[in-house]
């Protein structure tokens, strides 16, 4: 496996810029050929939180949630998964066994013990898979509009899934144009949610943007997600699981989501669900509500 260097670490739209107070950014070598970008927030209270982004996203979408968890006293880290953000971009390793191993290596390198893992969308499935594989190391897991994603219910064949969910072609859009589009489509998003979304892209010499996650790698992850069947893993999960699904107003997707959430709630030994009304990227849109939901689960002892 050869780690790619095509995710320019120091330049472009996605660079983090000066860290805010109590926040540090670094590249952490988790394997000889793989460096992952890690963003840390200070704190001393237990448990620490580790935040895992979704497909074609990046760690900075968590900035608002992380700041609020840190303000409550908890140490927080968020990191760019392989192929995303400022992390290295190998051509392979986008399957669930490998990305969950990456996550475990991040915990080890950053000396994080008994965290709550929080994942959004694909990242939610990643943290649920991590709980099935080595949940005894965790205080709990939470999935924000993810974790229970079982694409084969809606797309019986990979071809159908690929045709419907392949990323759109993104070409020739300037940073200013894209930011205007984001603010028009998401007028209720805070500035850090907009900035985090912009960090999904790198600025090219001609001033246009390109996705940091290359299309072929995007499709590798989508295929892995289609093949991932969360219900087959629930019997292996003994840690507390908090589901935070979004009711986005899309009746068909929400109906499918409720079915998958209900299946998880019946099968998981220790689980809780708190629905929020909002966008798929709830963590970017409603950092106060997401952070408050996580902190309640700490305060009432759900996360142990």
C-alpha atoms as a PDB file:
ATOM      1  CA  UNK A   1       0.000   0.000   0.000  1.00  0.00           C
ATOM      2  CA  UNK A   2       1.389   3.376  -0.997  1.00  0.00           C
ATOM      3  CA  UNK A   3       0.031   6.482   0.654  1.00  0.00           C
ATOM      4  CA  UNK A   4      -0.869   9.216  -1.789  1.00  0.00           C
ATOM      5  CA  UNK A   5       0.221  12.795  -1.222  1.00  0.00           C
ATOM      6  CA  UNK A   6      -2.477  14.370  -3.373  1.00  0.00           C
ATOM      7  CA  UNK A   7      -4.301  15.957  -0.429  1.00  0.00           C
ATOM      8  CA  UNK A   8      -2.138  19.067  -0.172  1.00  0.00           C
ATOM      9  CA  UNK A   9      -1.549  19.334   3.559  1.00  0.00           C
ATOM     10  CA  UNK A  10      -0.685  22.980   3.857  1.00  0.00           C
ATOM     11  CA  UNK A  11      -2.678  24.733   1.191  1.00  0.00           C
ATOM     12  CA  UNK A  12      -6.052  25.320  -0.338  1.00  0.00           C
ATOM     13  CA  UNK A  13      -9.555  25.902   0.947  1.00  0.00           C
ATOM     14  CA  UNK A  14      -9.386  23.057   3.412  1.00  0.00           C
ATOM     15  CA  UNK A  15      -6.424  24.112   5.505  1.00  0.00           C
ATOM     16  CA  UNK A  16      -7.435  24.679   9.120  1.00  0.00           C
ATOM     17  CA  UNK A  17      -5.712  28.025   9.528  1.00  0.00           C
ATOM     18  CA  UNK A  18      -4.728  29.213  12.988  1.00  0.00           C
ATOM     19  CA  UNK A  19      -6.043  26.880  15.663  1.00  0.00           C
ATOM     20  CA  UNK A  20      -8.562  28.414  18.031  1.00  0.00           C
ATOM     21  CA  UNK A  21      -7.757  28.651  21.728  1.00  0.00           C
ATOM     22  CA  UNK A  22      -7.327  25.192  23.194  1.00  0.00           C
ATOM     23  CA  UNK A  23      -7.247  23.574  19.738  1.00  0.00           C
ATOM     24  CA  UNK A  24      -4.262  21.989  18.005  1.00  0.00           C
ATOM     25  CA  UNK A  25      -3.826  20.382  14.588  1.00  0.00           C
ATOM     26  CA  UNK A  26      -1.275  17.737  13.685  1.00  0.00           C
ATOM     27  CA  UNK A  27      -0.483  14.922  11.287  1.00  0.00           C
ATOM     28  CA  UNK A  28      -0.251  11.622  13.156  1.00  0.00           C
ATOM     29  CA  UNK A  29       1.605   8.669  11.639  1.00  0.00           C
ATOM     30  CA  UNK A  30      -0.633   5.668  12.308  1.00  0.00           C
ATOM     31  CA  UNK A  31       1.109   3.285   9.900  1.00  0.00           C
ATOM     32  CA  UNK A  32       4.494   3.530   8.172  1.00  0.00           C
ATOM     33  CA  UNK A  33       2.746   4.674   4.990  1.00  0.00           C
ATOM     34  CA  UNK A  34      -0.246   6.545   6.428  1.00  0.00           C
ATOM     35  CA  UNK A  35      -0.551   9.887   8.181  1.00  0.00           C
ATOM     36  CA  UNK A  36      -3.935  11.083   9.407  1.00  0.00           C
ATOM     37  CA  UNK A  37      -4.795  14.691  10.230  1.00  0.00           C
ATOM     38  CA  UNK A  38      -5.955  15.046  13.838  1.00  0.00           C
ATOM     39  CA  UNK A  39      -7.627  18.069  15.440  1.00  0.00           C
ATOM     40  CA  UNK A  40      -7.669  18.252  19.261  1.00  0.00           C
ATOM     41  CA  UNK A  41      -9.601  20.297  21.796  1.00  0.00           C
ATOM     42  CA  UNK A  42      -8.481  20.579  25.418  1.00  0.00           C
ATOM     43  CA  UNK A  43     -10.333  19.109  28.377  1.00  0.00           C
ATOM     44  CA  UNK A  44      -9.839  16.873  31.383  1.00  0.00           C
ATOM     45  CA  UNK A  45     -13.276  15.455  32.205  1.00  0.00           C
ATOM     46  CA  UNK A  46     -14.131  11.847  31.428  1.00  0.00           C
ATOM     47  CA  UNK A  47     -15.011  10.495  28.992  1.00  0.00           C
ATOM     48  CA  UNK A  48     -13.017  11.866  26.056  1.00  0.00           C
ATOM     49  CA  UNK A  49     -14.858  12.110  22.757  1.00  0.00           C
ATOM     50  CA  UNK A  50     -13.546  10.945  19.378  1.00  0.00           C
ATOM     51  CA  UNK A  51     -15.474  12.306  16.399  1.00  0.00           C
ATOM     52  CA  UNK A  52     -15.574  10.453  13.071  1.00  0.00           C
ATOM     53  CA  UNK A  53     -16.844  12.177   9.925  1.00  0.00           C
ATOM     54  CA  UNK A  54     -18.933  10.779   7.080  1.00  0.00           C
ATOM     55  CA  UNK A  55     -18.281   9.960   3.442  1.00  0.00           C
ATOM     56  CA  UNK A  56     -16.746  12.817   1.412  1.00  0.00           C
ATOM     57  CA  UNK A  57     -16.617  14.922   4.574  1.00  0.00           C
ATOM     58  CA  UNK A  58     -13.827  15.946   6.964  1.00  0.00           C
ATOM     59  CA  UNK A  59     -13.060  16.544  10.627  1.00  0.00           C
ATOM     60  CA  UNK A  60     -13.888  20.246  10.542  1.00  0.00           C
ATOM     61  CA  UNK A  61     -17.619  19.550  10.174  1.00  0.00           C
ATOM     62  CA  UNK A  62     -17.353  18.640  13.875  1.00  0.00           C
ATOM     63  CA  UNK A  63     -15.863  21.986  14.960  1.00  0.00           C
ATOM     64  CA  UNK A  64     -19.065  23.322  16.497  1.00  0.00           C
ATOM     65  CA  UNK A  65     -19.887  20.140  18.409  1.00  0.00           C
ATOM     66  CA  UNK A  66     -16.287  19.693  19.545  1.00  0.00           C
ATOM     67  CA  UNK A  67     -16.037  23.239  20.893  1.00  0.00           C
ATOM     68  CA  UNK A  68     -19.169  22.730  22.979  1.00  0.00           C
ATOM     69  CA  UNK A  69     -17.969  19.378  24.350  1.00  0.00           C
ATOM     70  CA  UNK A  70     -14.628  20.952  25.192  1.00  0.00           C
ATOM     71  CA  UNK A  71     -16.356  23.915  26.862  1.00  0.00           C
ATOM     72  CA  UNK A  72     -18.099  21.316  29.066  1.00  0.00           C
ATOM     73  CA  UNK A  73     -14.668  20.014  30.106  1.00  0.00           C
ATOM     74  CA  UNK A  74     -14.176  17.004  27.837  1.00  0.00           C
ATOM     75  CA  UNK A  75     -11.092  16.376  25.711  1.00  0.00           C
ATOM     76  CA  UNK A  76     -12.054  15.891  22.079  1.00  0.00           C
ATOM     77  CA  UNK A  77     -10.314  14.734  18.942  1.00  0.00           C
ATOM     78  CA  UNK A  78     -11.621  14.626  15.385  1.00  0.00           C
ATOM     79  CA  UNK A  79      -9.617  13.250  12.506  1.00  0.00           C
ATOM     80  CA  UNK A  80      -9.723  13.043   8.745  1.00  0.00           C
ATOM     81  CA  UNK A  81     -10.176   9.447   7.648  1.00  0.00           C
ATOM     82  CA  UNK A  82      -7.893   8.130   4.914  1.00  0.00           C
ATOM     83  CA  UNK A  83      -8.509   9.800   1.585  1.00  0.00           C
ATOM     84  CA  UNK A  84     -10.294  12.739   3.201  1.00  0.00           C
ATOM     85  CA  UNK A  85      -9.347  16.224   4.313  1.00  0.00           C
ATOM     86  CA  UNK A  86      -5.635  16.686   4.977  1.00  0.00           C
ATOM     87  CA  UNK A  87      -4.917  12.992   5.569  1.00  0.00           C
ATOM     88  CA  UNK A  88      -2.940  10.798   3.209  1.00  0.00           C
ATOM     89  CA  UNK A  89      -4.886   9.205   0.375  1.00  0.00           C
ATOM     90  CA  UNK A  90      -3.828   5.638  -0.412  1.00  0.00           C
ATOM     91  CA  UNK A  91      -5.462   3.822  -3.296  1.00  0.00           C
ATOM     92  CA  UNK A  92      -6.824   1.051  -1.068  1.00  0.00           C
ATOM     93  CA  UNK A  93      -7.854   0.311   2.504  1.00  0.00           C
ATOM     94  CA  UNK A  94     -11.357   1.805   2.399  1.00  0.00           C
ATOM     95  CA  UNK A  95     -13.062  -1.353   3.686  1.00  0.00           C
ATOM     96  CA  UNK A  96     -14.532  -1.541   7.187  1.00  0.00           C
ATOM     97  CA  UNK A  97     -11.824  -3.751   8.746  1.00  0.00           C
ATOM     98  CA  UNK A  98      -9.136  -1.309   7.641  1.00  0.00           C
ATOM     99  CA  UNK A  99     -10.849   1.964   8.529  1.00  0.00           C
ATOM    100  CA  UNK A 100     -11.802   0.636  11.972  1.00  0.00           C
ATOM    101  CA  UNK A 101      -8.177  -0.423  12.430  1.00  0.00           C
ATOM    102  CA  UNK A 102      -7.157   3.140  11.456  1.00  0.00           C
ATOM    103  CA  UNK A 103      -9.498   4.435  14.158  1.00  0.00           C
ATOM    104  CA  UNK A 104      -7.996   2.150  16.776  1.00  0.00           C
ATOM    105  CA  UNK A 105      -4.496   3.281  15.810  1.00  0.00           C
ATOM    106  CA  UNK A 106      -5.546   6.914  16.189  1.00  0.00           C
ATOM    107  CA  UNK A 107      -6.698   6.158  19.744  1.00  0.00           C
ATOM    108  CA  UNK A 108      -3.398   4.461  20.514  1.00  0.00           C
ATOM    109  CA  UNK A 109      -1.184   7.157  18.998  1.00  0.00           C
ATOM    110  CA  UNK A 110      -3.157   9.917  20.722  1.00  0.00           C
ATOM    111  CA  UNK A 111      -3.260   7.972  24.026  1.00  0.00           C
ATOM    112  CA  UNK A 112      -7.050   8.114  24.270  1.00  0.00           C
ATOM    113  CA  UNK A 113      -8.553   5.669  26.773  1.00  0.00           C
ATOM    114  CA  UNK A 114     -12.206   4.642  27.074  1.00  0.00           C
ATOM    115  CA  UNK A 115     -13.644   7.302  24.780  1.00  0.00           C
ATOM    116  CA  UNK A 116     -17.108   7.797  23.436  1.00  0.00           C
ATOM    117  CA  UNK A 117     -16.857   7.319  19.692  1.00  0.00           C
ATOM    118  CA  UNK A 118     -19.237   9.540  17.732  1.00  0.00           C
ATOM    119  CA  UNK A 119     -19.687   9.006  14.002  1.00  0.00           C
ATOM    120  CA  UNK A 120     -21.850  10.719  11.405  1.00  0.00           C
ATOM    121  CA  UNK A 121     -23.409   8.882   8.424  1.00  0.00           C
ATOM    122  CA  UNK A 122     -20.754   6.428   7.115  1.00  0.00           C
ATOM    123  CA  UNK A 123     -18.740   7.373  10.202  1.00  0.00           C
ATOM    124  CA  UNK A 124     -21.660   6.146  12.313  1.00  0.00           C
ATOM    125  CA  UNK A 125     -21.372   2.737  10.686  1.00  0.00           C
ATOM    126  CA  UNK A 126     -17.624   2.869  11.295  1.00  0.00           C
ATOM    127  CA  UNK A 127     -18.025   3.453  15.040  1.00  0.00           C
ATOM    128  CA  UNK A 128     -20.708   0.740  15.309  1.00  0.00           C
ATOM    129  CA  UNK A 129     -18.324  -1.663  13.581  1.00  0.00           C
ATOM    130  CA  UNK A 130     -15.584  -0.586  15.984  1.00  0.00           C
ATOM    131  CA  UNK A 131     -17.894  -1.331  18.921  1.00  0.00           C
ATOM    132  CA  UNK A 132     -18.531  -4.819  17.537  1.00  0.00           C
ATOM    133  CA  UNK A 133     -14.806  -5.448  17.114  1.00  0.00           C
ATOM    134  CA  UNK A 134     -13.349  -3.959  20.317  1.00  0.00           C
ATOM    135  CA  UNK A 135     -16.136  -2.340  22.291  1.00  0.00           C
ATOM    136  CA  UNK A 136     -14.619  -3.196  25.683  1.00  0.00           C
ATOM    137  CA  UNK A 137     -12.182  -0.335  25.110  1.00  0.00           C
ATOM    138  CA  UNK A 138     -15.029   2.181  24.845  1.00  0.00           C
ATOM    139  CA  UNK A 139     -17.290   4.148  27.179  1.00  0.00           C
ATOM    140  CA  UNK A 140     -19.931   4.137  24.446  1.00  0.00           C
ATOM    141  CA  UNK A 141     -20.712   5.002  20.863  1.00  0.00           C
ATOM    142  CA  UNK A 142     -23.068   7.471  19.220  1.00  0.00           C
ATOM    143  CA  UNK A 143     -24.193   7.641  15.604  1.00  0.00           C
ATOM    144  CA  UNK A 144     -25.472  10.887  14.114  1.00  0.00           C
ATOM    145  CA  UNK A 145     -27.788  10.044  11.212  1.00  0.00           C
ATOM    146  CA  UNK A 146     -25.830   6.882  10.576  1.00  0.00           C
ATOM    147  CA  UNK A 147     -24.726   3.672  12.192  1.00  0.00           C
ATOM    148  CA  UNK A 148     -27.790   1.744  11.109  1.00  0.00           C
ATOM    149  CA  UNK A 149     -27.364   2.413   7.378  1.00  0.00           C
ATOM    150  CA  UNK A 150     -28.246  -0.795   5.513  1.00  0.00           C
ATOM    151  CA  UNK A 151     -28.245   0.199   1.855  1.00  0.00           C
ATOM    152  CA  UNK A 152     -29.199  -3.241   0.583  1.00  0.00           C
ATOM    153  CA  UNK A 153     -32.706  -2.718   1.948  1.00  0.00           C
ATOM    154  CA  UNK A 154     -33.208   0.064  -0.570  1.00  0.00           C
ATOM    155  CA  UNK A 155     -30.790  -1.032  -3.295  1.00  0.00           C
ATOM    156  CA  UNK A 156     -30.811  -4.838  -3.762  1.00  0.00           C
ATOM    157  CA  UNK A 157     -27.954  -4.653  -6.271  1.00  0.00           C
ATOM    158  CA  UNK A 158     -24.670  -2.777  -6.148  1.00  0.00           C
ATOM    159  CA  UNK A 159     -25.353  -1.429  -9.640  1.00  0.00           C
ATOM    160  CA  UNK A 160     -28.573   0.226  -8.495  1.00  0.00           C
ATOM    161  CA  UNK A 161     -26.815   1.724  -5.470  1.00  0.00           C
ATOM    162  CA  UNK A 162     -23.927   3.037  -7.550  1.00  0.00           C
ATOM    163  CA  UNK A 163     -26.252   4.612 -10.108  1.00  0.00           C
ATOM    164  CA  UNK A 164     -28.294   6.413  -7.461  1.00  0.00           C
ATOM    165  CA  UNK A 165     -25.617   7.438  -4.956  1.00  0.00           C
ATOM    166  CA  UNK A 166     -22.512   8.122  -7.047  1.00  0.00           C
ATOM    167  CA  UNK A 167     -21.178  11.622  -6.300  1.00  0.00           C
ATOM    168  CA  UNK A 168     -22.118  14.362  -8.745  1.00  0.00           C
ATOM    169  CA  UNK A 169     -19.477  15.708 -11.075  1.00  0.00           C
ATOM    170  CA  UNK A 170     -18.031  18.808  -9.452  1.00  0.00           C
ATOM    171  CA  UNK A 171     -16.215  21.006 -11.915  1.00  0.00           C
ATOM    172  CA  UNK A 172     -15.489  24.653 -12.551  1.00  0.00           C
ATOM    173  CA  UNK A 173     -16.997  26.185  -9.400  1.00  0.00           C
ATOM    174  CA  UNK A 174     -15.091  28.893  -7.568  1.00  0.00           C
ATOM    175  CA  UNK A 175     -14.823  29.086  -3.817  1.00  0.00           C
ATOM    176  CA  UNK A 176     -16.924  32.252  -3.673  1.00  0.00           C
ATOM    177  CA  UNK A 177     -19.644  30.739  -5.866  1.00  0.00           C
ATOM    178  CA  UNK A 178     -19.770  27.566  -3.805  1.00  0.00           C
ATOM    179  CA  UNK A 179     -19.898  29.459  -0.520  1.00  0.00           C
ATOM    180  CA  UNK A 180     -22.792  31.577  -1.814  1.00  0.00           C
ATOM    181  CA  UNK A 181     -24.611  28.391  -2.835  1.00  0.00           C
ATOM    182  CA  UNK A 182     -24.044  26.832   0.587  1.00  0.00           C
ATOM    183  CA  UNK A 183     -25.330  29.881   2.446  1.00  0.00           C
ATOM    184  CA  UNK A 184     -28.388  30.056   0.190  1.00  0.00           C
ATOM    185  CA  UNK A 185     -29.225  26.369   0.654  1.00  0.00           C
ATOM    186  CA  UNK A 186     -28.423  26.327   4.368  1.00  0.00           C
ATOM    187  CA  UNK A 187     -29.357  29.747   5.773  1.00  0.00           C
ATOM    188  CA  UNK A 188     -29.625  28.336   9.292  1.00  0.00           C
ATOM    189  CA  UNK A 189     -26.127  26.822   9.362  1.00  0.00           C
ATOM    190  CA  UNK A 190     -23.544  28.490  11.614  1.00  0.00           C
ATOM    191  CA  UNK A 191     -20.316  29.784  10.108  1.00  0.00           C
ATOM    192  CA  UNK A 192     -18.255  26.835  11.349  1.00  0.00           C
ATOM    193  CA  UNK A 193     -20.610  24.451   9.507  1.00  0.00           C
ATOM    194  CA  UNK A 194     -20.096  26.390   6.278  1.00  0.00           C
ATOM    195  CA  UNK A 195     -16.324  26.523   6.814  1.00  0.00           C
ATOM    196  CA  UNK A 196     -16.242  22.803   7.518  1.00  0.00           C
ATOM    197  CA  UNK A 197     -18.096  22.050   4.299  1.00  0.00           C
ATOM    198  CA  UNK A 198     -15.698  24.228   2.309  1.00  0.00           C
ATOM    199  CA  UNK A 199     -12.868  22.165   3.795  1.00  0.00           C
ATOM    200  CA  UNK A 200     -14.162  19.180   1.786  1.00  0.00           C
ATOM    201  CA  UNK A 201     -12.547  20.824  -1.236  1.00  0.00           C
ATOM    202  CA  UNK A 202      -9.124  22.008  -2.340  1.00  0.00           C
ATOM    203  CA  UNK A 203      -8.618  25.128  -4.386  1.00  0.00           C
ATOM    204  CA  UNK A 204      -6.863  24.616  -7.708  1.00  0.00           C
ATOM    205  CA  UNK A 205      -4.475  27.067  -9.408  1.00  0.00           C
ATOM    206  CA  UNK A 206      -7.304  28.430 -11.582  1.00  0.00           C
ATOM    207  CA  UNK A 207      -9.366  29.251  -8.483  1.00  0.00           C
ATOM    208  CA  UNK A 208     -11.905  26.456  -8.907  1.00  0.00           C
ATOM    209  CA  UNK A 209     -12.516  23.719  -6.356  1.00  0.00           C
ATOM    210  CA  UNK A 210     -12.033  19.973  -6.503  1.00  0.00           C
ATOM    211  CA  UNK A 211     -13.256  17.401  -3.958  1.00  0.00           C
ATOM    212  CA  UNK A 212     -10.493  16.216  -1.660  1.00  0.00           C
ATOM    213  CA  UNK A 213     -11.897  12.678  -1.818  1.00  0.00           C
ATOM    214  CA  UNK A 214     -11.192  11.355  -5.287  1.00  0.00           C
ATOM    215  CA  UNK A 215     -14.177   9.852  -7.099  1.00  0.00           C
ATOM    216  CA  UNK A 216     -12.770   6.312  -7.413  1.00  0.00           C
ATOM    217  CA  UNK A 217     -12.045   6.215  -3.669  1.00  0.00           C
ATOM    218  CA  UNK A 218     -15.515   7.576  -2.972  1.00  0.00           C
ATOM    219  CA  UNK A 219     -16.961   4.625  -4.880  1.00  0.00           C
ATOM    220  CA  UNK A 220     -14.788   2.145  -2.957  1.00  0.00           C
ATOM    221  CA  UNK A 221     -16.239   3.465   0.290  1.00  0.00           C
ATOM    222  CA  UNK A 222     -19.770   3.441  -1.067  1.00  0.00           C
ATOM    223  CA  UNK A 223     -19.341  -0.191  -2.128  1.00  0.00           C
ATOM    224  CA  UNK A 224     -18.046  -1.075   1.358  1.00  0.00           C
ATOM    225  CA  UNK A 225     -21.025   0.711   2.902  1.00  0.00           C
ATOM    226  CA  UNK A 226     -23.447  -1.152   0.613  1.00  0.00           C
ATOM    227  CA  UNK A 227     -21.841  -4.445   1.658  1.00  0.00           C
ATOM    228  CA  UNK A 228     -21.917  -3.535   5.363  1.00  0.00           C
ATOM    229  CA  UNK A 229     -24.954  -5.082   7.062  1.00  0.00           C
ATOM    230  CA  UNK A 230     -25.232  -3.499  10.533  1.00  0.00           C
ATOM    231  CA  UNK A 231     -27.899  -5.924  11.865  1.00  0.00           C
ATOM    232  CA  UNK A 232     -25.384  -8.746  11.509  1.00  0.00           C
ATOM    233  CA  UNK A 233     -23.115  -6.925  13.986  1.00  0.00           C
ATOM    234  CA  UNK A 234     -25.605  -5.965  16.713  1.00  0.00           C
ATOM    235  CA  UNK A 235     -25.214  -9.226  18.646  1.00  0.00           C
ATOM    236  CA  UNK A 236     -21.498  -8.464  18.997  1.00  0.00           C
ATOM    237  CA  UNK A 237     -22.037  -5.023  20.557  1.00  0.00           C
ATOM    238  CA  UNK A 238     -22.170  -4.849  24.339  1.00  0.00           C
ATOM    239  CA  UNK A 239     -21.403  -1.158  24.866  1.00  0.00           C
ATOM    240  CA  UNK A 240     -23.976   1.646  25.109  1.00  0.00           C
ATOM    241  CA  UNK A 241     -25.198   2.927  21.728  1.00  0.00           C
ATOM    242  CA  UNK A 242     -26.862   6.312  21.282  1.00  0.00           C
ATOM    243  CA  UNK A 243     -28.581   6.876  17.935  1.00  0.00           C
ATOM    244  CA  UNK A 244     -29.249  10.468  16.834  1.00  0.00           C
ATOM    245  CA  UNK A 245     -31.093  10.140  13.508  1.00  0.00           C
ATOM    246  CA  UNK A 246     -32.303  13.102  11.467  1.00  0.00           C
ATOM    247  CA  UNK A 247     -35.834  13.553  10.201  1.00  0.00           C
ATOM    248  CA  UNK A 248     -34.895  15.472   7.064  1.00  0.00           C
ATOM    249  CA  UNK A 249     -38.400  15.757   5.683  1.00  0.00           C
ATOM    250  CA  UNK A 250     -37.720  13.164   2.971  1.00  0.00           C
ATOM    251  CA  UNK A 251     -40.566  10.764   3.691  1.00  0.00           C
ATOM    252  CA  UNK A 252     -39.114   7.735   1.896  1.00  0.00           C
ATOM    253  CA  UNK A 253     -35.637   7.989   3.385  1.00  0.00           C
ATOM    254  CA  UNK A 254     -37.027   8.730   6.840  1.00  0.00           C
ATOM    255  CA  UNK A 255     -39.347   5.705   6.636  1.00  0.00           C
ATOM    256  CA  UNK A 256     -36.393   3.476   5.727  1.00  0.00           C
ATOM    257  CA  UNK A 257     -34.371   5.057   8.508  1.00  0.00           C
ATOM    258  CA  UNK A 258     -37.071   4.445  11.123  1.00  0.00           C
ATOM    259  CA  UNK A 259     -37.229   0.782  10.108  1.00  0.00           C
ATOM    260  CA  UNK A 260     -33.457   0.425  10.471  1.00  0.00           C
ATOM    261  CA  UNK A 261     -33.400   2.317  13.783  1.00  0.00           C
ATOM    262  CA  UNK A 262     -36.227   0.169  15.171  1.00  0.00           C
ATOM    263  CA  UNK A 263     -34.321  -2.975  14.156  1.00  0.00           C
ATOM    264  CA  UNK A 264     -31.254  -1.714  16.017  1.00  0.00           C
ATOM    265  CA  UNK A 265     -33.209  -0.749  19.120  1.00  0.00           C
ATOM    266  CA  UNK A 266     -34.716  -4.231  19.372  1.00  0.00           C
ATOM    267  CA  UNK A 267     -31.350  -5.966  18.930  1.00  0.00           C
ATOM    268  CA  UNK A 268     -28.851  -3.827  20.835  1.00  0.00           C
ATOM    269  CA  UNK A 269     -28.665  -4.632  24.560  1.00  0.00           C
ATOM    270  CA  UNK A 270     -28.134  -1.035  25.690  1.00  0.00           C
ATOM    271  CA  UNK A 271     -29.426   1.617  23.313  1.00  0.00           C
ATOM    272  CA  UNK A 272     -31.219   4.934  23.149  1.00  0.00           C
ATOM    273  CA  UNK A 273     -32.585   6.975  20.265  1.00  0.00           C
ATOM    274  CA  UNK A 274     -33.111  10.740  20.139  1.00  0.00           C
ATOM    275  CA  UNK A 275     -34.518  12.013  16.844  1.00  0.00           C
ATOM    276  CA  UNK A 276     -33.730  15.546  15.680  1.00  0.00           C
ATOM    277  CA  UNK A 277     -35.438  17.406  12.868  1.00  0.00           C
ATOM    278  CA  UNK A 278     -32.888  18.791  10.452  1.00  0.00           C
ATOM    279  CA  UNK A 279     -30.345  18.109   7.760  1.00  0.00           C
ATOM    280  CA  UNK A 280     -28.327  14.943   7.274  1.00  0.00           C
ATOM    281  CA  UNK A 281     -25.319  16.932   8.516  1.00  0.00           C
ATOM    282  CA  UNK A 282     -26.930  17.586  11.889  1.00  0.00           C
ATOM    283  CA  UNK A 283     -23.542  18.079  13.512  1.00  0.00           C
ATOM    284  CA  UNK A 284     -22.814  21.013  11.198  1.00  0.00           C
ATOM    285  CA  UNK A 285     -26.326  22.456  11.266  1.00  0.00           C
ATOM    286  CA  UNK A 286     -27.201  22.017  14.962  1.00  0.00           C
ATOM    287  CA  UNK A 287     -24.005  21.707  17.019  1.00  0.00           C
ATOM    288  CA  UNK A 288     -25.788  22.874  20.180  1.00  0.00           C
ATOM    289  CA  UNK A 289     -28.458  20.181  19.954  1.00  0.00           C
ATOM    290  CA  UNK A 290     -26.020  17.387  19.051  1.00  0.00           C
ATOM    291  CA  UNK A 291     -23.560  18.333  21.796  1.00  0.00           C
ATOM    292  CA  UNK A 292     -26.368  18.667  24.344  1.00  0.00           C
ATOM    293  CA  UNK A 293     -27.659  15.194  23.456  1.00  0.00           C
ATOM    294  CA  UNK A 294     -24.198  13.707  23.940  1.00  0.00           C
ATOM    295  CA  UNK A 295     -23.635  15.540  27.215  1.00  0.00           C
ATOM    296  CA  UNK A 296     -26.985  14.355  28.605  1.00  0.00           C
ATOM    297  CA  UNK A 297     -25.922  10.783  27.939  1.00  0.00           C
ATOM    298  CA  UNK A 298     -22.791  11.426  30.005  1.00  0.00           C
ATOM    299  CA  UNK A 299     -24.619  13.231  32.806  1.00  0.00           C
ATOM    300  CA  UNK A 300     -27.255  10.527  33.306  1.00  0.00           C
ATOM    301  CA  UNK A 301     -24.728   7.679  33.229  1.00  0.00           C
ATOM    302  CA  UNK A 302     -25.740   6.167  29.897  1.00  0.00           C
ATOM    303  CA  UNK A 303     -22.138   6.314  28.736  1.00  0.00           C
ATOM    304  CA  UNK A 304     -20.015   4.372  31.182  1.00  0.00           C
END
